[in-house]
Amino acid sequence: MSDEKRRLYLIKSSKMNDYAYYVKHGYFKRKHDVISYGTKAMARVFATENEAANFLLKEFPEWGRNEHSVEELRGLSILIHRPDLYHDCLIKQ
């Protein structure tokens, strides 16, 4: 598969720095729907843009939906940030 066809999607905070990618959310220190952030290497990965967008709209904490967006990783960016997934990623759109 050529690099142009390799794509993965992440959810990124629009209010935080370049290293603020969604990892998970849940209960933490008596607070519900706390969002955990990390680098691209730690972030939750989605196979399609639609899958990431649906997660953001339906499963993401409601208070944070407007502060986040879907970001696409392609070819070399995947190899650099998520080498563990480089050979397995496919376009499923």
N, C-alpha and C. Protein backbone atom coordinates (compact mmCIF):
# COMPACT_ATOMS: atom_id res chain seq x y z
N MET A 1 0.85 -1.18 0.00
CA MET A 1 0.00 0.00 0.00
C MET A 1 0.89 1.24 0.00
N SER A 2 0.56 2.19 -0.82
CA SER A 2 1.36 3.41 -0.89
C SER A 2 1.08 4.29 0.33
N ASP A 3 2.03 5.16 0.63
CA ASP A 3 1.89 6.04 1.79
C ASP A 3 0.68 6.95 1.70
N GLU A 4 0.29 7.35 0.48
CA GLU A 4 -0.85 8.26 0.33
C GLU A 4 -2.14 7.61 0.82
N LYS A 5 -2.20 6.29 0.81
CA LYS A 5 -3.44 5.62 1.19
C LYS A 5 -3.47 5.22 2.67
N ARG A 6 -2.38 5.40 3.36
CA ARG A 6 -2.34 5.08 4.78
C ARG A 6 -2.87 6.27 5.56
N ARG A 7 -3.94 6.04 6.33
CA ARG A 7 -4.54 7.12 7.10
C ARG A 7 -5.03 6.61 8.44
N LEU A 8 -4.86 7.41 9.45
CA LEU A 8 -5.41 7.17 10.77
C LEU A 8 -5.95 8.50 11.29
N TYR A 9 -6.82 8.45 12.26
CA TYR A 9 -7.46 9.66 12.77
C TYR A 9 -7.37 9.72 14.29
N LEU A 10 -7.12 10.92 14.79
CA LEU A 10 -7.00 11.19 16.22
C LEU A 10 -7.95 12.32 16.58
N ILE A 11 -8.23 12.47 17.87
CA ILE A 11 -9.02 13.60 18.35
C ILE A 11 -8.07 14.52 19.10
N LYS A 12 -8.06 15.77 18.71
CA LYS A 12 -7.12 16.75 19.26
C LYS A 12 -7.86 17.89 19.94
N SER A 13 -7.30 18.36 21.05
CA SER A 13 -7.85 19.53 21.73
C SER A 13 -7.49 20.78 20.93
N SER A 14 -8.45 21.65 20.75
CA SER A 14 -8.18 22.90 20.03
C SER A 14 -7.76 24.01 20.99
N LYS A 15 -7.83 23.74 22.28
CA LYS A 15 -7.50 24.77 23.27
C LYS A 15 -6.18 24.52 23.98
N MET A 16 -5.59 23.37 23.74
CA MET A 16 -4.35 23.04 24.43
C MET A 16 -3.19 22.99 23.44
N ASN A 17 -2.02 22.61 23.90
CA ASN A 17 -0.84 22.61 23.05
C ASN A 17 -0.84 21.47 22.01
N ASP A 18 0.21 21.38 21.24
CA ASP A 18 0.31 20.39 20.17
C ASP A 18 0.38 18.95 20.66
N TYR A 19 0.55 18.75 21.94
CA TYR A 19 0.66 17.40 22.48
C TYR A 19 -0.62 16.95 23.17
N ALA A 20 -1.71 17.62 22.93
CA ALA A 20 -2.97 17.32 23.61
C ALA A 20 -3.90 16.50 22.72
N TYR A 21 -3.65 15.21 22.69
CA TYR A 21 -4.48 14.28 21.93
C TYR A 21 -5.26 13.40 22.89
N TYR A 22 -6.52 13.13 22.55
CA TYR A 22 -7.39 12.33 23.39
C TYR A 22 -6.85 10.92 23.57
N VAL A 23 -6.77 10.48 24.83
CA VAL A 23 -6.37 9.12 25.15
C VAL A 23 -7.58 8.34 25.66
N LYS A 24 -8.26 8.89 26.66
CA LYS A 24 -9.45 8.26 27.22
C LYS A 24 -10.19 9.26 28.10
N HIS A 25 -11.37 8.86 28.56
CA HIS A 25 -12.08 9.69 29.53
C HIS A 25 -12.77 8.76 30.53
N GLY A 26 -13.10 9.33 31.67
CA GLY A 26 -13.77 8.55 32.70
C GLY A 26 -13.75 9.26 34.03
N TYR A 27 -13.90 8.50 35.09
CA TYR A 27 -13.98 9.03 36.45
C TYR A 27 -12.58 9.16 37.03
N PHE A 28 -12.27 10.32 37.59
CA PHE A 28 -10.96 10.54 38.18
C PHE A 28 -11.08 11.53 39.33
N LYS A 29 -10.60 11.15 40.49
CA LYS A 29 -10.61 12.02 41.67
C LYS A 29 -11.97 12.67 41.92
N ARG A 30 -13.00 11.85 41.96
CA ARG A 30 -14.39 12.27 42.24
C ARG A 30 -15.02 13.13 41.17
N LYS A 31 -14.42 13.18 39.99
CA LYS A 31 -15.01 13.94 38.89
C LYS A 31 -15.32 12.99 37.74
N HIS A 32 -16.49 13.16 37.16
CA HIS A 32 -16.93 12.31 36.05
C HIS A 32 -16.56 12.97 34.72
N ASP A 33 -16.30 12.16 33.73
CA ASP A 33 -15.97 12.62 32.38
C ASP A 33 -14.73 13.50 32.31
N VAL A 34 -13.70 13.11 33.02
CA VAL A 34 -12.41 13.77 32.94
C VAL A 34 -11.71 13.23 31.69
N ILE A 35 -11.12 14.10 30.90
CA ILE A 35 -10.44 13.69 29.67
C ILE A 35 -8.95 13.58 29.93
N SER A 36 -8.38 12.46 29.51
CA SER A 36 -6.94 12.24 29.63
C SER A 36 -6.29 12.51 28.28
N TYR A 37 -5.19 13.27 28.29
CA TYR A 37 -4.50 13.64 27.06
C TYR A 37 -3.10 13.05 27.01
N GLY A 38 -2.55 12.97 25.80
CA GLY A 38 -1.19 12.51 25.61
C GLY A 38 -0.68 12.91 24.24
N THR A 39 0.46 12.39 23.88
CA THR A 39 1.05 12.67 22.57
C THR A 39 0.36 11.82 21.50
N LYS A 40 0.73 12.03 20.25
CA LYS A 40 0.18 11.22 19.17
C LYS A 40 0.48 9.74 19.38
N ALA A 41 1.62 9.45 19.97
CA ALA A 41 2.01 8.06 20.22
C ALA A 41 1.11 7.38 21.25
N MET A 42 0.48 8.16 22.13
CA MET A 42 -0.37 7.63 23.19
C MET A 42 -1.85 7.70 22.86
N ALA A 43 -2.21 8.49 21.87
CA ALA A 43 -3.61 8.81 21.58
C ALA A 43 -4.42 7.62 21.11
N ARG A 44 -5.72 7.69 21.36
CA ARG A 44 -6.64 6.70 20.82
C ARG A 44 -6.71 6.91 19.32
N VAL A 45 -6.67 5.83 18.57
CA VAL A 45 -6.63 5.89 17.11
C VAL A 45 -7.94 5.38 16.53
N PHE A 46 -8.41 6.05 15.48
CA PHE A 46 -9.61 5.64 14.77
C PHE A 46 -9.24 5.32 13.33
N ALA A 47 -9.87 4.30 12.77
CA ALA A 47 -9.54 3.86 11.41
C ALA A 47 -10.10 4.78 10.33
N THR A 48 -11.21 5.45 10.61
CA THR A 48 -11.80 6.33 9.61
C THR A 48 -12.14 7.68 10.24
N GLU A 49 -12.24 8.68 9.40
CA GLU A 49 -12.64 10.00 9.87
C GLU A 49 -14.05 9.97 10.43
N ASN A 50 -14.93 9.21 9.79
CA ASN A 50 -16.31 9.09 10.23
C ASN A 50 -16.40 8.44 11.62
N GLU A 51 -15.58 7.43 11.85
CA GLU A 51 -15.55 6.76 13.16
C GLU A 51 -15.12 7.74 14.25
N ALA A 52 -14.10 8.54 13.99
CA ALA A 52 -13.62 9.53 14.96
C ALA A 52 -14.68 10.61 15.19
N ALA A 53 -15.29 11.09 14.12
CA ALA A 53 -16.32 12.14 14.24
C ALA A 53 -17.53 11.63 15.02
N ASN A 54 -17.96 10.40 14.76
CA ASN A 54 -19.10 9.83 15.49
C ASN A 54 -18.77 9.66 16.97
N PHE A 55 -17.56 9.24 17.27
CA PHE A 55 -17.14 9.11 18.66
C PHE A 55 -17.19 10.48 19.34
N LEU A 56 -16.68 11.48 18.66
CA LEU A 56 -16.67 12.84 19.21
C LEU A 56 -18.09 13.34 19.47
N LEU A 57 -19.01 13.05 18.60
CA LEU A 57 -20.39 13.52 18.74
C LEU A 57 -21.23 12.71 19.71
N LYS A 58 -20.98 11.40 19.81
CA LYS A 58 -21.87 10.53 20.58
C LYS A 58 -21.29 10.01 21.89
N GLU A 59 -19.98 9.83 21.98
CA GLU A 59 -19.41 9.21 23.16
C GLU A 59 -18.48 10.14 23.96
N PHE A 60 -18.05 11.19 23.33
CA PHE A 60 -17.14 12.13 23.99
C PHE A 60 -17.91 12.90 25.05
N PRO A 61 -17.26 13.29 26.15
CA PRO A 61 -17.96 14.11 27.15
C PRO A 61 -18.56 15.36 26.50
N GLU A 62 -19.82 15.59 26.78
CA GLU A 62 -20.55 16.68 26.12
C GLU A 62 -19.87 18.04 26.30
N TRP A 63 -19.34 18.29 27.48
CA TRP A 63 -18.72 19.59 27.75
C TRP A 63 -17.51 19.87 26.87
N GLY A 64 -16.87 18.82 26.33
CA GLY A 64 -15.65 19.03 25.56
C GLY A 64 -15.79 18.90 24.06
N ARG A 65 -16.97 18.64 23.58
CA ARG A 65 -17.16 18.40 22.13
C ARG A 65 -16.76 19.58 21.26
N ASN A 66 -17.07 20.78 21.68
CA ASN A 66 -16.75 21.96 20.87
C ASN A 66 -15.29 22.37 20.97
N GLU A 67 -14.56 21.77 21.89
CA GLU A 67 -13.16 22.12 22.10
C GLU A 67 -12.20 21.12 21.46
N HIS A 68 -12.73 20.19 20.67
CA HIS A 68 -11.91 19.15 20.06
C HIS A 68 -12.27 18.97 18.59
N SER A 69 -11.32 18.44 17.84
CA SER A 69 -11.56 18.17 16.42
C SER A 69 -10.81 16.92 16.00
N VAL A 70 -11.17 16.41 14.85
CA VAL A 70 -10.53 15.21 14.30
C VAL A 70 -9.32 15.64 13.49
N GLU A 71 -8.22 14.96 13.69
CA GLU A 71 -7.00 15.23 12.93
C GLU A 71 -6.58 13.96 12.19
N GLU A 72 -6.19 14.13 10.94
CA GLU A 72 -5.77 13.01 10.12
C GLU A 72 -4.25 12.85 10.15
N LEU A 73 -3.80 11.61 10.28
CA LEU A 73 -2.39 11.29 10.12
C LEU A 73 -2.25 10.52 8.82
N ARG A 74 -1.26 10.85 8.02
CA ARG A 74 -1.02 10.16 6.75
C ARG A 74 0.39 9.62 6.70
N GLY A 75 0.58 8.60 5.87
CA GLY A 75 1.86 8.03 5.53
C GLY A 75 3.00 8.20 6.50
N LEU A 76 3.91 9.10 6.19
CA LEU A 76 5.12 9.29 6.98
C LEU A 76 4.81 9.72 8.42
N SER A 77 3.76 10.50 8.62
CA SER A 77 3.38 10.90 9.98
C SER A 77 3.00 9.69 10.81
N ILE A 78 2.34 8.73 10.19
CA ILE A 78 2.00 7.49 10.91
C ILE A 78 3.28 6.74 11.26
N LEU A 79 4.19 6.64 10.31
CA LEU A 79 5.45 5.95 10.55
C LEU A 79 6.24 6.58 11.69
N ILE A 80 6.21 7.91 11.77
CA ILE A 80 6.94 8.63 12.81
C ILE A 80 6.25 8.51 14.18
N HIS A 81 4.93 8.76 14.21
CA HIS A 81 4.22 8.85 15.49
C HIS A 81 3.61 7.53 15.95
N ARG A 82 3.23 6.66 15.01
CA ARG A 82 2.59 5.39 15.37
C ARG A 82 3.17 4.24 14.54
N PRO A 83 4.47 3.99 14.63
CA PRO A 83 5.08 2.94 13.81
C PRO A 83 4.47 1.57 14.04
N ASP A 84 3.90 1.36 15.23
CA ASP A 84 3.26 0.08 15.53
C ASP A 84 2.04 -0.17 14.65
N LEU A 85 1.46 0.87 14.08
CA LEU A 85 0.26 0.74 13.26
C LEU A 85 0.51 0.97 11.77
N TYR A 86 1.71 1.34 11.41
CA TYR A 86 2.01 1.72 10.03
C TYR A 86 1.65 0.64 9.01
N HIS A 87 2.01 -0.58 9.27
CA HIS A 87 1.77 -1.65 8.29
C HIS A 87 0.34 -2.17 8.30
N ASP A 88 -0.41 -1.86 9.33
CA ASP A 88 -1.76 -2.39 9.46
C ASP A 88 -2.86 -1.41 9.04
N CYS A 89 -2.54 -0.13 8.88
CA CYS A 89 -3.61 0.83 8.62
C CYS A 89 -4.08 0.75 7.17
N LEU A 90 -5.39 0.87 7.02
CA LEU A 90 -6.05 0.81 5.71
C LEU A 90 -7.07 1.92 5.59
N ILE A 91 -7.39 2.27 4.38
CA ILE A 91 -8.50 3.20 4.18
C ILE A 91 -9.77 2.38 4.25
N LYS A 92 -10.68 2.79 5.12
CA LYS A 92 -11.95 2.07 5.27
C LYS A 92 -13.10 3.03 5.03
N GLN A 93 -12.90 3.97 4.16
CA GLN A 93 -13.94 4.98 3.92
C GLN A 93 -14.76 4.61 2.71
